[in-house]
Amino acid sequence: MPQLELPEDVYLDLQRVAQERGVEPVEIIIEVIRSWRKAFERARPMEALQPLRDEQVLRSTPALGGAIADFVPVVVEGEPLSETVIRERH
């Protein structure tokens, strides 16, 4: 049987999830790959990654919520940058 090398932290996460569910780690991997394949075949890549997130194998990126809400544009004096670029190109 081919072997798969995983970073230790990923394997420990996988092992923890498998223990919680009362199955072997390889069963989690098989289930996730099959779910991923089905979703990917339906052309929904984000849905294809959801089983990995559900099993905590793939970590979600943190939401930007506060960073976007707190954004304040900087006011710059002078002509718009787009006009400067057009002028400089000619």
Protein backbone atom coordinates (compact mmCIF):
# COMPACT_ATOMS: atom_id res chain seq x y z
CA MET A 1 0.00 0.00 0.00
CA PRO A 2 1.42 3.46 -0.89
CA GLN A 3 2.29 5.69 2.05
CA LEU A 4 1.42 9.32 2.56
CA GLU A 5 3.67 11.63 4.53
CA LEU A 6 1.92 14.39 6.48
CA PRO A 7 3.31 17.17 8.64
CA GLU A 8 3.15 16.13 12.27
CA ASP A 9 0.58 18.77 13.25
CA VAL A 10 -1.72 17.70 10.40
CA TYR A 11 -1.41 14.05 11.38
CA LEU A 12 -2.14 14.84 15.02
CA ASP A 13 -5.26 16.77 13.96
CA LEU A 14 -6.30 13.86 11.74
CA GLN A 15 -5.70 11.38 14.53
CA ARG A 16 -7.73 13.48 16.99
CA VAL A 17 -10.70 13.72 14.58
CA ALA A 18 -10.50 9.98 13.89
CA GLN A 19 -10.50 9.19 17.61
CA GLU A 20 -13.50 11.46 18.19
CA ARG A 21 -15.40 9.61 15.46
CA GLY A 22 -14.18 6.16 16.48
CA VAL A 23 -12.56 5.36 13.13
CA GLU A 24 -9.08 4.95 11.71
CA PRO A 25 -7.34 8.05 10.25
CA VAL A 26 -7.27 6.45 6.80
CA GLU A 27 -11.09 6.26 6.84
CA ILE A 28 -11.24 10.03 7.37
CA ILE A 29 -8.87 10.60 4.46
CA ILE A 30 -10.89 8.31 2.17
CA GLU A 31 -14.18 9.98 3.14
CA VAL A 32 -12.78 13.46 2.62
CA ILE A 33 -11.26 12.61 -0.76
CA ARG A 34 -14.48 11.00 -1.99
CA SER A 35 -16.56 13.98 -0.84
CA TRP A 36 -14.06 16.37 -2.40
CA ARG A 37 -14.08 14.49 -5.69
CA LYS A 38 -17.90 14.52 -5.88
CA ALA A 39 -18.13 18.23 -5.14
CA PHE A 40 -15.26 19.08 -7.50
CA GLU A 41 -16.89 17.11 -10.31
CA ARG A 42 -19.95 19.33 -9.85
CA ALA A 43 -17.59 22.29 -10.49
CA ARG A 44 -17.94 23.78 -7.03
CA PRO A 45 -14.36 24.10 -5.75
CA MET A 46 -15.31 25.95 -2.56
CA GLU A 47 -17.86 23.26 -1.76
CA ALA A 48 -15.20 20.67 -2.52
CA LEU A 49 -13.05 22.10 0.26
CA GLN A 50 -15.87 22.16 2.84
CA PRO A 51 -15.41 18.54 3.99
CA LEU A 52 -11.78 19.36 4.75
CA ARG A 53 -12.91 22.33 6.83
CA ASP A 54 -15.61 20.26 8.54
CA GLU A 55 -13.07 17.67 9.59
CA GLN A 56 -10.70 20.47 10.66
CA VAL A 57 -8.11 19.15 8.23
CA LEU A 58 -8.12 22.46 6.36
CA ARG A 59 -8.19 25.62 8.36
CA SER A 60 -10.32 28.49 7.13
CA THR A 61 -8.74 31.86 6.65
CA PRO A 62 -9.79 34.42 9.23
CA ALA A 63 -12.57 36.77 8.22
CA LEU A 64 -11.49 40.29 7.37
CA GLY A 65 -14.68 41.79 8.84
CA GLY A 66 -13.15 44.37 11.18
CA ALA A 67 -10.27 45.21 8.84
CA ILE A 68 -12.63 46.07 6.00
CA ALA A 69 -15.12 47.87 8.22
CA ASP A 70 -12.35 50.02 9.69
CA PHE A 71 -10.88 50.94 6.28
CA VAL A 72 -10.56 54.68 5.70
CA PRO A 73 -9.30 55.77 2.26
CA VAL A 74 -6.39 58.18 2.12
CA VAL A 75 -7.14 61.46 0.36
CA VAL A 76 -4.37 62.42 -2.06
CA GLU A 77 -4.06 65.88 -3.57
CA GLY A 78 -3.52 66.31 -7.32
CA GLU A 79 -4.72 64.60 -10.45
CA PRO A 80 -6.05 61.03 -10.32
CA LEU A 81 -3.34 58.36 -10.54
CA SER A 82 -4.97 56.86 -13.62
CA GLU A 83 -4.54 60.15 -15.48
CA THR A 84 -0.88 60.35 -14.44
CA VAL A 85 -0.25 56.82 -15.74
CA ILE A 86 -1.94 57.59 -19.09
CA ARG A 87 0.05 60.82 -19.47
CA GLU A 88 3.35 59.12 -18.59
CA ARG A 89 2.76 56.33 -21.13
CA HIS A 90 2.50 58.81 -24.01
